[in-house]
Full PDB file with SEQRES, HELIX, SHEET, SSBOND, CRYST1, ORIGX, SCALE, CONECT and MASTER records, all heavy atoms in Angstrom:
SEQRES   1 A   37  GLU TRP GLY ASP ASP PHE GLY ALA PRO HIS GLU THR ALA          
SEQRES   2 A   37  ILE ALA ASN HIS TYR ASP LEU PRO VAL PHE ILE ILE ASN          
SEQRES   3 A   37  TYR PRO THR SER ILE LYS PRO PHE TYR MET GLN                  
HELIX    1 AA1 ALA A    8  TYR A   18  1                                  11    
HELIX    2 AA2 THR A   29  ILE A   31  5                                   3    
CRYST1    1.000    1.000    1.000  90.00  90.00  90.00 P 1           1          
ORIGX1      1.000000  0.000000  0.000000        0.00000                         
ORIGX2      0.000000  1.000000  0.000000        0.00000                         
ORIGX3      0.000000  0.000000  1.000000        0.00000                         
SCALE1      1.000000  0.000000  0.000000        0.00000                         
SCALE2      0.000000  1.000000  0.000000        0.00000                         
SCALE3      0.000000  0.000000  1.000000        0.00000                         
ATOM      1  N   GLU A   1      99.969  77.084  83.055  1.00  0.00           N  
ATOM      2  CA  GLU A   1     100.835  77.773  82.149  1.00  0.00           C  
ATOM      3  C   GLU A   1     101.554  78.893  82.801  1.00  0.00           C  
ATOM      4  O   GLU A   1     101.019  79.496  83.671  1.00  0.00           O  
ATOM      5  CB  GLU A   1     100.158  78.254  80.845  1.00  0.00           C  
ATOM      6  CG  GLU A   1      99.436  77.146  80.054  1.00  0.00           C  
ATOM      7  CD  GLU A   1     100.498  76.136  79.326  1.00  0.00           C  
ATOM      8  OE1 GLU A   1     101.659  76.504  79.247  1.00  0.00           O  
ATOM      9  OE2 GLU A   1     100.102  75.021  79.059  1.00  0.00           O  
ATOM     10  N   TRP A   2     102.727  79.285  82.186  1.00  0.00           N  
ATOM     11  CA  TRP A   2     103.374  80.420  82.821  1.00  0.00           C  
ATOM     12  C   TRP A   2     102.646  81.633  82.649  1.00  0.00           C  
ATOM     13  O   TRP A   2     101.968  81.957  81.634  1.00  0.00           O  
ATOM     14  CB  TRP A   2     104.781  80.657  82.086  1.00  0.00           C  
ATOM     15  CG  TRP A   2     105.733  81.537  82.808  1.00  0.00           C  
ATOM     16  CD1 TRP A   2     106.699  81.110  83.633  1.00  0.00           C  
ATOM     17  CD2 TRP A   2     105.682  82.976  82.887  1.00  0.00           C  
ATOM     18  NE1 TRP A   2     107.406  82.257  84.192  1.00  0.00           N  
ATOM     19  CE2 TRP A   2     106.777  83.336  83.818  1.00  0.00           C  
ATOM     20  CE3 TRP A   2     104.931  83.952  82.320  1.00  0.00           C  
ATOM     21  CZ2 TRP A   2     107.065  84.755  84.038  1.00  0.00           C  
ATOM     22  CZ3 TRP A   2     105.193  85.356  82.606  1.00  0.00           C  
ATOM     23  CH2 TRP A   2     106.326  85.688  83.456  1.00  0.00           C  
ATOM     24  N   GLY A   3     102.422  82.430  83.784  1.00  0.00           N  
ATOM     25  CA  GLY A   3     101.456  83.589  83.756  1.00  0.00           C  
ATOM     26  C   GLY A   3     100.202  83.318  84.512  1.00  0.00           C  
ATOM     27  O   GLY A   3      99.481  84.301  84.799  1.00  0.00           O  
ATOM     28  N   ASP A   4      99.889  81.995  84.748  1.00  0.00           N  
ATOM     29  CA  ASP A   4      98.654  81.719  85.556  1.00  0.00           C  
ATOM     30  C   ASP A   4      98.980  81.836  86.995  1.00  0.00           C  
ATOM     31  O   ASP A   4     100.079  81.625  87.554  1.00  0.00           O  
ATOM     32  CB  ASP A   4      98.293  80.298  85.257  1.00  0.00           C  
ATOM     33  CG  ASP A   4      97.767  80.025  83.886  1.00  0.00           C  
ATOM     34  OD1 ASP A   4      97.417  81.082  83.247  1.00  0.00           O  
ATOM     35  OD2 ASP A   4      97.759  78.880  83.348  1.00  0.00           O  
ATOM     36  N   ASP A   5      97.955  82.241  87.771  1.00  0.00           N  
ATOM     37  CA  ASP A   5      98.131  82.276  89.198  1.00  0.00           C  
ATOM     38  C   ASP A   5      97.890  80.782  89.716  1.00  0.00           C  
ATOM     39  O   ASP A   5      97.190  80.009  89.100  1.00  0.00           O  
ATOM     40  CB  ASP A   5      97.097  83.215  89.843  1.00  0.00           C  
ATOM     41  CG  ASP A   5      97.563  83.701  91.231  1.00  0.00           C  
ATOM     42  OD1 ASP A   5      98.615  83.203  91.728  1.00  0.00           O  
ATOM     43  OD2 ASP A   5      96.949  84.565  91.832  1.00  0.00           O  
ATOM     44  N   PHE A   6      98.346  80.478  90.847  1.00  0.00           N  
ATOM     45  CA  PHE A   6      98.126  79.150  91.450  1.00  0.00           C  
ATOM     46  C   PHE A   6      96.907  79.030  92.200  1.00  0.00           C  
ATOM     47  O   PHE A   6      96.497  79.910  92.946  1.00  0.00           O  
ATOM     48  CB  PHE A   6      99.340  78.794  92.331  1.00  0.00           C  
ATOM     49  CG  PHE A   6     100.677  78.712  91.680  1.00  0.00           C  
ATOM     50  CD1 PHE A   6     101.831  79.317  92.226  1.00  0.00           C  
ATOM     51  CD2 PHE A   6     100.824  78.065  90.428  1.00  0.00           C  
ATOM     52  CE1 PHE A   6     103.046  79.295  91.611  1.00  0.00           C  
ATOM     53  CE2 PHE A   6     102.064  77.979  89.813  1.00  0.00           C  
ATOM     54  CZ  PHE A   6     103.150  78.638  90.391  1.00  0.00           C  
ATOM     55  N   GLY A   7      96.194  77.887  92.050  1.00  0.00           N  
ATOM     56  CA  GLY A   7      95.011  77.586  92.843  1.00  0.00           C  
ATOM     57  C   GLY A   7      95.381  76.676  93.939  1.00  0.00           C  
ATOM     58  O   GLY A   7      96.537  76.221  94.103  1.00  0.00           O  
ATOM     59  N   ALA A   8      94.343  76.312  94.776  1.00  0.00           N  
ATOM     60  CA  ALA A   8      94.578  75.458  95.926  1.00  0.00           C  
ATOM     61  C   ALA A   8      95.296  74.166  95.593  1.00  0.00           C  
ATOM     62  O   ALA A   8      96.289  73.727  96.300  1.00  0.00           O  
ATOM     63  CB  ALA A   8      93.220  75.213  96.651  1.00  0.00           C  
ATOM     64  N   PRO A   9      94.930  73.432  94.527  1.00  0.00           N  
ATOM     65  CA  PRO A   9      95.544  72.141  94.222  1.00  0.00           C  
ATOM     66  C   PRO A   9      97.065  72.336  93.975  1.00  0.00           C  
ATOM     67  O   PRO A   9      97.892  71.551  94.307  1.00  0.00           O  
ATOM     68  CB  PRO A   9      94.816  71.583  92.986  1.00  0.00           C  
ATOM     69  CG  PRO A   9      93.433  72.268  93.084  1.00  0.00           C  
ATOM     70  CD  PRO A   9      93.732  73.666  93.606  1.00  0.00           C  
ATOM     71  N   HIS A  10      97.359  73.454  93.155  1.00  0.00           N  
ATOM     72  CA  HIS A  10      98.780  73.681  92.877  1.00  0.00           C  
ATOM     73  C   HIS A  10      99.566  74.078  94.107  1.00  0.00           C  
ATOM     74  O   HIS A  10     100.655  73.452  94.290  1.00  0.00           O  
ATOM     75  CB  HIS A  10      98.850  74.921  91.871  1.00  0.00           C  
ATOM     76  CG  HIS A  10      97.978  74.743  90.683  1.00  0.00           C  
ATOM     77  ND1 HIS A  10      97.049  75.626  90.386  1.00  0.00           N  
ATOM     78  CD2 HIS A  10      97.915  73.839  89.746  1.00  0.00           C  
ATOM     79  CE1 HIS A  10      96.428  75.270  89.248  1.00  0.00           C  
ATOM     80  NE2 HIS A  10      96.992  74.150  88.873  1.00  0.00           N  
ATOM     81  N   GLU A  11      99.096  74.907  94.967  1.00  0.00           N  
ATOM     82  CA  GLU A  11      99.810  75.217  96.134  1.00  0.00           C  
ATOM     83  C   GLU A  11     100.011  73.997  97.098  1.00  0.00           C  
ATOM     84  O   GLU A  11     101.113  73.808  97.723  1.00  0.00           O  
ATOM     85  CB  GLU A  11      99.013  76.270  96.969  1.00  0.00           C  
ATOM     86  CG  GLU A  11      99.007  77.687  96.247  1.00  0.00           C  
ATOM     87  CD  GLU A  11      98.181  78.683  97.053  1.00  0.00           C  
ATOM     88  OE1 GLU A  11      97.401  78.245  97.871  1.00  0.00           O  
ATOM     89  OE2 GLU A  11      98.383  79.874  96.783  1.00  0.00           O  
ATOM     90  N   THR A  12      98.928  73.192  97.149  1.00  0.00           N  
ATOM     91  CA  THR A  12      99.059  71.959  97.997  1.00  0.00           C  
ATOM     92  C   THR A  12     100.146  70.967  97.541  1.00  0.00           C  
ATOM     93  O   THR A  12     100.936  70.432  98.275  1.00  0.00           O  
ATOM     94  CB  THR A  12      97.744  71.284  98.036  1.00  0.00           C  
ATOM     95  OG1 THR A  12      96.775  72.144  98.668  1.00  0.00           O  
ATOM     96  CG2 THR A  12      97.821  70.012  98.938  1.00  0.00           C  
ATOM     97  N   ALA A  13     100.245  70.845  96.220  1.00  0.00           N  
ATOM     98  CA  ALA A  13     101.192  69.954  95.625  1.00  0.00           C  
ATOM     99  C   ALA A  13     102.586  70.407  95.870  1.00  0.00           C  
ATOM    100  O   ALA A  13     103.517  69.662  96.178  1.00  0.00           O  
ATOM    101  CB  ALA A  13     100.929  69.898  94.113  1.00  0.00           C  
ATOM    102  N   ILE A  14     102.898  71.752  95.705  1.00  0.00           N  
ATOM    103  CA  ILE A  14     104.069  72.327  95.996  1.00  0.00           C  
ATOM    104  C   ILE A  14     104.496  72.187  97.524  1.00  0.00           C  
ATOM    105  O   ILE A  14     105.566  71.759  97.922  1.00  0.00           O  
ATOM    106  CB  ILE A  14     104.187  73.732  95.636  1.00  0.00           C  
ATOM    107  CG1 ILE A  14     103.977  73.888  94.032  1.00  0.00           C  
ATOM    108  CG2 ILE A  14     105.475  74.402  96.013  1.00  0.00           C  
ATOM    109  CD1 ILE A  14     103.775  75.283  93.576  1.00  0.00           C  
ATOM    110  N   ALA A  15     103.551  72.450  98.407  1.00  0.00           N  
ATOM    111  CA  ALA A  15     103.830  72.405  99.888  1.00  0.00           C  
ATOM    112  C   ALA A  15     103.991  70.996 100.234  1.00  0.00           C  
ATOM    113  O   ALA A  15     104.924  70.648 101.130  1.00  0.00           O  
ATOM    114  CB  ALA A  15     102.684  72.972 100.589  1.00  0.00           C  
ATOM    115  N   ASN A  16     103.345  70.021  99.637  1.00  0.00           N  
ATOM    116  CA  ASN A  16     103.504  68.597 100.075  1.00  0.00           C  
ATOM    117  C   ASN A  16     104.835  68.113  99.627  1.00  0.00           C  
ATOM    118  O   ASN A  16     105.380  67.213 100.326  1.00  0.00           O  
ATOM    119  CB  ASN A  16     102.379  67.726  99.352  1.00  0.00           C  
ATOM    120  CG  ASN A  16     101.052  67.853 100.057  1.00  0.00           C  
ATOM    121  OD1 ASN A  16     100.925  68.469 101.091  1.00  0.00           O  
ATOM    122  ND2 ASN A  16     100.013  67.429  99.266  1.00  0.00           N  
ATOM    123  N   HIS A  17     105.479  68.672  98.627  1.00  0.00           N  
ATOM    124  CA  HIS A  17     106.797  68.283  98.196  1.00  0.00           C  
ATOM    125  C   HIS A  17     107.840  68.511  99.287  1.00  0.00           C  
ATOM    126  O   HIS A  17     108.780  67.770  99.425  1.00  0.00           O  
ATOM    127  CB  HIS A  17     107.150  68.979  96.900  1.00  0.00           C  
ATOM    128  CG  HIS A  17     108.540  68.687  96.414  1.00  0.00           C  
ATOM    129  ND1 HIS A  17     108.945  67.441  95.947  1.00  0.00           N  
ATOM    130  CD2 HIS A  17     109.662  69.508  96.374  1.00  0.00           C  
ATOM    131  CE1 HIS A  17     110.235  67.516  95.577  1.00  0.00           C  
ATOM    132  NE2 HIS A  17     110.651  68.742  95.842  1.00  0.00           N  
ATOM    133  N   TYR A  18     107.600  69.611 100.024  1.00  0.00           N  
ATOM    134  CA  TYR A  18     108.562  70.073 101.090  1.00  0.00           C  
ATOM    135  C   TYR A  18     108.095  69.631 102.509  1.00  0.00           C  
ATOM    136  O   TYR A  18     108.996  69.506 103.383  1.00  0.00           O  
ATOM    137  CB  TYR A  18     108.806  71.543 101.023  1.00  0.00           C  
ATOM    138  CG  TYR A  18     109.404  72.040  99.732  1.00  0.00           C  
ATOM    139  CD1 TYR A  18     108.605  72.517  98.679  1.00  0.00           C  
ATOM    140  CD2 TYR A  18     110.759  72.084  99.578  1.00  0.00           C  
ATOM    141  CE1 TYR A  18     109.218  72.983  97.494  1.00  0.00           C  
ATOM    142  CE2 TYR A  18     111.378  72.584  98.463  1.00  0.00           C  
ATOM    143  CZ  TYR A  18     110.551  72.986  97.406  1.00  0.00           C  
ATOM    144  OH  TYR A  18     111.140  73.375  96.261  1.00  0.00           O  
ATOM    145  N   ASP A  19     106.848  69.518 102.659  1.00  0.00           N  
ATOM    146  CA  ASP A  19     106.286  69.233 103.998  1.00  0.00           C  
ATOM    147  C   ASP A  19     106.601  70.219 105.074  1.00  0.00           C  
ATOM    148  O   ASP A  19     106.759  69.900 106.220  1.00  0.00           O  
ATOM    149  CB  ASP A  19     106.662  67.770 104.445  1.00  0.00           C  
ATOM    150  CG  ASP A  19     105.680  67.237 105.439  1.00  0.00           C  
ATOM    151  OD1 ASP A  19     104.501  67.575 105.503  1.00  0.00           O  
ATOM    152  OD2 ASP A  19     106.142  66.384 106.360  1.00  0.00           O  
ATOM    153  N   LEU A  20     106.914  71.387 104.646  1.00  0.00           N  
ATOM    154  CA  LEU A  20     107.250  72.572 105.424  1.00  0.00           C  
ATOM    155  C   LEU A  20     106.604  73.802 104.867  1.00  0.00           C  
ATOM    156  O   LEU A  20     106.306  73.805 103.625  1.00  0.00           O  
ATOM    157  CB  LEU A  20     108.789  72.665 105.535  1.00  0.00           C  
ATOM    158  CG  LEU A  20     109.564  71.734 106.374  1.00  0.00           C  
ATOM    159  CD1 LEU A  20     111.052  71.910 106.034  1.00  0.00           C  
ATOM    160  CD2 LEU A  20     109.384  72.008 107.831  1.00  0.00           C  
ATOM    161  N   PRO A  21     106.580  74.884 105.511  1.00  0.00           N  
ATOM    162  CA  PRO A  21     106.196  76.185 104.836  1.00  0.00           C  
ATOM    163  C   PRO A  21     107.269  76.515 103.867  1.00  0.00           C  
ATOM    164  O   PRO A  21     108.400  76.383 104.013  1.00  0.00           O  
ATOM    165  CB  PRO A  21     106.218  77.220 105.989  1.00  0.00           C  
ATOM    166  CG  PRO A  21     106.124  76.369 107.250  1.00  0.00           C  
ATOM    167  CD  PRO A  21     106.748  75.109 107.042  1.00  0.00           C  
ATOM    168  N   VAL A  22     106.752  76.953 102.600  1.00  0.00           N  
ATOM    169  CA  VAL A  22     107.676  77.122 101.548  1.00  0.00           C  
ATOM    170  C   VAL A  22     107.326  78.441 100.868  1.00  0.00           C  
ATOM    171  O   VAL A  22     106.117  78.768 100.568  1.00  0.00           O  
ATOM    172  CB  VAL A  22     107.515  75.971 100.510  1.00  0.00           C  
ATOM    173  CG1 VAL A  22     106.147  75.676 100.057  1.00  0.00           C  
ATOM    174  CG2 VAL A  22     108.502  76.187  99.301  1.00  0.00           C  
ATOM    175  N   PHE A  23     108.333  79.210 100.516  1.00  0.00           N  
ATOM    176  CA  PHE A  23     108.182  80.463  99.833  1.00  0.00           C  
ATOM    177  C   PHE A  23     108.137  80.171  98.277  1.00  0.00           C  
ATOM    178  O   PHE A  23     109.165  79.588  97.794  1.00  0.00           O  
ATOM    179  CB  PHE A  23     109.379  81.412 100.072  1.00  0.00           C  
ATOM    180  CG  PHE A  23     109.323  82.055 101.408  1.00  0.00           C  
ATOM    181  CD1 PHE A  23     110.278  81.751 102.397  1.00  0.00           C  
ATOM    182  CD2 PHE A  23     108.329  83.031 101.674  1.00  0.00           C  
ATOM    183  CE1 PHE A  23     110.247  82.417 103.618  1.00  0.00           C  
ATOM    184  CE2 PHE A  23     108.236  83.620 102.960  1.00  0.00           C  
ATOM    185  CZ  PHE A  23     109.274  83.224 103.930  1.00  0.00           C  
ATOM    186  N   ILE A  24     107.221  80.648  97.587  1.00  0.00           N  
ATOM    187  CA  ILE A  24     107.205  80.658  96.234  1.00  0.00           C  
ATOM    188  C   ILE A  24     107.500  82.155  95.821  1.00  0.00           C  
ATOM    189  O   ILE A  24     106.723  83.068  96.217  1.00  0.00           O  
ATOM    190  CB  ILE A  24     105.820  80.309  95.581  1.00  0.00           C  
ATOM    191  CG1 ILE A  24     105.335  78.969  96.040  1.00  0.00           C  
ATOM    192  CG2 ILE A  24     105.909  80.366  94.028  1.00  0.00           C  
ATOM    193  CD1 ILE A  24     104.042  78.429  95.487  1.00  0.00           C  
ATOM    194  N   ILE A  25     108.586  82.344  95.178  1.00  0.00           N  
ATOM    195  CA  ILE A  25     109.135  83.715  94.881  1.00  0.00           C  
ATOM    196  C   ILE A  25     109.094  84.147  93.416  1.00  0.00           C  
ATOM    197  O   ILE A  25     109.065  83.301  92.548  1.00  0.00           O  
ATOM    198  CB  ILE A  25     110.580  83.914  95.490  1.00  0.00           C  
ATOM    199  CG1 ILE A  25     111.576  83.068  94.679  1.00  0.00           C  
ATOM    200  CG2 ILE A  25     110.572  83.538  96.942  1.00  0.00           C  
ATOM    201  CD1 ILE A  25     113.004  83.212  95.049  1.00  0.00           C  
ATOM    202  N   ASN A  26     109.031  85.445  93.226  1.00  0.00           N  
ATOM    203  CA  ASN A  26     109.168  86.012  91.878  1.00  0.00           C  
ATOM    204  C   ASN A  26     108.078  85.679  90.905  1.00  0.00           C  
ATOM    205  O   ASN A  26     108.284  84.960  89.933  1.00  0.00           O  
ATOM    206  CB  ASN A  26     110.569  85.789  91.300  1.00  0.00           C  
ATOM    207  CG  ASN A  26     111.641  86.275  92.128  1.00  0.00           C  
ATOM    208  OD1 ASN A  26     111.441  87.125  93.044  1.00  0.00           O  
ATOM    209  ND2 ASN A  26     112.882  85.755  91.956  1.00  0.00           N  
ATOM    210  N   TYR A  27     106.833  86.042  91.235  1.00  0.00           N  
ATOM    211  CA  TYR A  27     105.680  85.875  90.373  1.00  0.00           C  
ATOM    212  C   TYR A  27     105.684  86.774  89.178  1.00  0.00           C  
ATOM    213  O   TYR A  27     106.365  87.847  89.229  1.00  0.00           O  
ATOM    214  CB  TYR A  27     104.377  86.119  91.153  1.00  0.00           C  
ATOM    215  CG  TYR A  27     104.009  84.917  92.093  1.00  0.00           C  
ATOM    216  CD1 TYR A  27     104.625  84.752  93.303  1.00  0.00           C  
ATOM    217  CD2 TYR A  27     102.894  84.126  91.787  1.00  0.00           C  
ATOM    218  CE1 TYR A  27     104.230  83.793  94.184  1.00  0.00           C  
ATOM    219  CE2 TYR A  27     102.554  83.093  92.643  1.00  0.00           C  
ATOM    220  CZ  TYR A  27     103.121  82.963  93.843  1.00  0.00           C  
ATOM    221  OH  TYR A  27     102.773  81.912  94.706  1.00  0.00           O  
ATOM    222  N   PRO A  28     104.935  86.464  88.160  1.00  0.00           N  
ATOM    223  CA  PRO A  28     104.850  87.340  86.983  1.00  0.00           C  
ATOM    224  C   PRO A  28     104.280  88.669  87.435  1.00  0.00           C  
ATOM    225  O   PRO A  28     103.307  88.829  88.187  1.00  0.00           O  
ATOM    226  CB  PRO A  28     103.954  86.638  86.008  1.00  0.00           C  
ATOM    227  CG  PRO A  28     104.086  85.155  86.442  1.00  0.00           C  
ATOM    228  CD  PRO A  28     104.251  85.184  87.899  1.00  0.00           C  
ATOM    229  N   THR A  29     104.752  89.776  86.738  1.00  0.00           N  
ATOM    230  CA  THR A  29     104.252  91.130  87.069  1.00  0.00           C  
ATOM    231  C   THR A  29     102.755  91.249  86.744  1.00  0.00           C  
ATOM    232  O   THR A  29     102.064  91.920  87.559  1.00  0.00           O  
ATOM    233  CB  THR A  29     105.040  92.224  86.157  1.00  0.00           C  
ATOM    234  OG1 THR A  29     106.457  91.963  86.400  1.00  0.00           O  
ATOM    235  CG2 THR A  29     104.614  93.556  86.537  1.00  0.00           C  
ATOM    236  N   SER A  30     102.304  90.450  85.767  1.00  0.00           N  
ATOM    237  CA  SER A  30     100.983  90.647  85.325  1.00  0.00           C  
ATOM    238  C   SER A  30      99.847  90.148  86.311  1.00  0.00           C  
ATOM    239  O   SER A  30      98.731  90.556  86.225  1.00  0.00           O  
ATOM    240  CB  SER A  30     100.755  89.936  83.933  1.00  0.00           C  
ATOM    241  OG  SER A  30     101.086  88.532  84.118  1.00  0.00           O  
ATOM    242  N   ILE A  31     100.282  89.297  87.233  1.00  0.00           N  
ATOM    243  CA  ILE A  31      99.288  88.755  88.217  1.00  0.00           C  
ATOM    244  C   ILE A  31      99.495  89.366  89.632  1.00  0.00           C  
ATOM    245  O   ILE A  31      98.797  88.845  90.492  1.00  0.00           O  
ATOM    246  CB  ILE A  31      99.253  87.237  88.189  1.00  0.00           C  
ATOM    247  CG1 ILE A  31     100.629  86.672  88.572  1.00  0.00           C  
ATOM    248  CG2 ILE A  31      98.947  86.651  86.828  1.00  0.00           C  
ATOM    249  CD1 ILE A  31     100.621  85.187  88.813  1.00  0.00           C  
ATOM    250  N   LYS A  32     100.332  90.326  89.713  1.00  0.00           N  
ATOM    251  CA  LYS A  32     100.522  90.864  91.051  1.00  0.00           C  
ATOM    252  C   LYS A  32     100.167  92.373  91.056  1.00  0.00           C  
ATOM    253  O   LYS A  32     100.045  93.025  90.011  1.00  0.00           O  
ATOM    254  CB  LYS A  32     102.022  90.656  91.453  1.00  0.00           C  
ATOM    255  CG  LYS A  32     102.302  89.218  91.844  1.00  0.00           C  
ATOM    256  CD  LYS A  32     101.517  88.809  93.080  1.00  0.00           C  
ATOM    257  CE  LYS A  32     101.833  87.389  93.535  1.00  0.00           C  
ATOM    258  NZ  LYS A  32     100.977  87.002  94.642  1.00  0.00           N  
ATOM    259  N   PRO A  33      99.989  92.965  92.269  1.00  0.00           N  
ATOM    260  CA  PRO A  33      99.540  94.359  92.417  1.00  0.00           C  
ATOM    261  C   PRO A  33     100.584  95.336  91.826  1.00  0.00           C  
ATOM    262  O   PRO A  33     101.791  95.015  91.698  1.00  0.00           O  
ATOM    263  CB  PRO A  33      99.362  94.542  93.824  1.00  0.00           C  
ATOM    264  CG  PRO A  33      99.072  93.212  94.391  1.00  0.00           C  
ATOM    265  CD  PRO A  33      99.876  92.262  93.634  1.00  0.00           C  
ATOM    266  N   PHE A  34     100.129  96.535  91.605  1.00  0.00           N  
ATOM    267  CA  PHE A  34     100.992  97.564  90.900  1.00  0.00           C  
ATOM    268  C   PHE A  34     102.114  98.035  91.626  1.00  0.00           C  
ATOM    269  O   PHE A  34     103.083  98.546  91.038  1.00  0.00           O  
ATOM    270  CB  PHE A  34     100.053  98.808  90.623  1.00  0.00           C  
ATOM    271  CG  PHE A  34      99.753  99.652  91.862  1.00  0.00           C  
ATOM    272  CD1 PHE A  34     100.488 100.779  92.230  1.00  0.00           C  
ATOM    273  CD2 PHE A  34      98.664  99.257  92.686  1.00  0.00           C  
ATOM    274  CE1 PHE A  34     100.206 101.520  93.322  1.00  0.00           C  
ATOM    275  CE2 PHE A  34      98.301  99.925  93.814  1.00  0.00           C  
ATOM    276  CZ  PHE A  34      99.153 101.083  94.192  1.00  0.00           C  
ATOM    277  N   TYR A  35     102.297  97.953  92.932  1.00  0.00           N  
ATOM    278  CA  TYR A  35     103.331  98.426  93.790  1.00  0.00           C  
ATOM    279  C   TYR A  35     104.519  97.668  93.945  1.00  0.00           C  
ATOM    280  O   TYR A  35     105.423  98.027  94.607  1.00  0.00           O  
ATOM    281  CB  TYR A  35     102.781  98.810  95.188  1.00  0.00           C  
ATOM    282  CG  TYR A  35     102.060  97.645  95.897  1.00  0.00           C  
ATOM    283  CD1 TYR A  35     102.651  96.561  96.355  1.00  0.00           C  
ATOM    284  CD2 TYR A  35     100.657  97.641  95.986  1.00  0.00           C  
ATOM    285  CE1 TYR A  35     102.042  95.531  96.920  1.00  0.00           C  
ATOM    286  CE2 TYR A  35     100.023  96.642  96.583  1.00  0.00           C  
ATOM    287  CZ  TYR A  35     100.711  95.501  96.986  1.00  0.00           C  
ATOM    288  OH  TYR A  35     100.088  94.465  97.566  1.00  0.00           O  
ATOM    289  N   MET A  36     104.600  96.418  93.329  1.00  0.00           N  
ATOM    290  CA  MET A  36     105.654  95.556  93.585  1.00  0.00           C  
ATOM    291  C   MET A  36     106.916  95.854  92.716  1.00  0.00           C  
ATOM    292  O   MET A  36     106.817  96.164  91.499  1.00  0.00           O  
ATOM    293  CB  MET A  36     105.269  94.041  93.344  1.00  0.00           C  
ATOM    294  CG  MET A  36     104.276  93.629  94.396  1.00  0.00           C  
ATOM    295  SD  MET A  36     103.925  91.769  94.274  1.00  0.00           S  
ATOM    296  CE  MET A  36     102.822  91.691  95.633  1.00  0.00           C  
ATOM    297  N   GLN A  37     108.133  95.753  93.262  1.00  0.00           N  
ATOM    298  CA  GLN A  37     109.429  96.115  92.712  1.00  0.00           C  
ATOM    299  C   GLN A  37     109.731  95.137  91.620  1.00  0.00           C  
ATOM    300  O   GLN A  37     109.676  93.924  91.886  1.00  0.00           O  
ATOM    301  CB  GLN A  37     110.484  96.257  93.733  1.00  0.00           C  
ATOM    302  CG  GLN A  37     111.862  96.554  93.221  1.00  0.00           C  
ATOM    303  CD  GLN A  37     112.037  98.052  92.915  1.00  0.00           C  
ATOM    304  OE1 GLN A  37     111.202  98.741  93.173  1.00  0.00           O  
ATOM    305  NE2 GLN A  37     113.076  98.319  92.237  1.00  0.00           N  
TER     306      GLN A  37                                                      
MASTER        0    0    0    2    0    0    0    6  305    1    0    3          
END                                                                             
């Protein structure tokens, strides 16, 4: 669900779609450290 962090199966599924290193950008504020813009 929106707001959840990704686990290994989720990251693998996304990476397999591209078969390359892929950036996942703009995570929810609630699951990231305090210092992010």
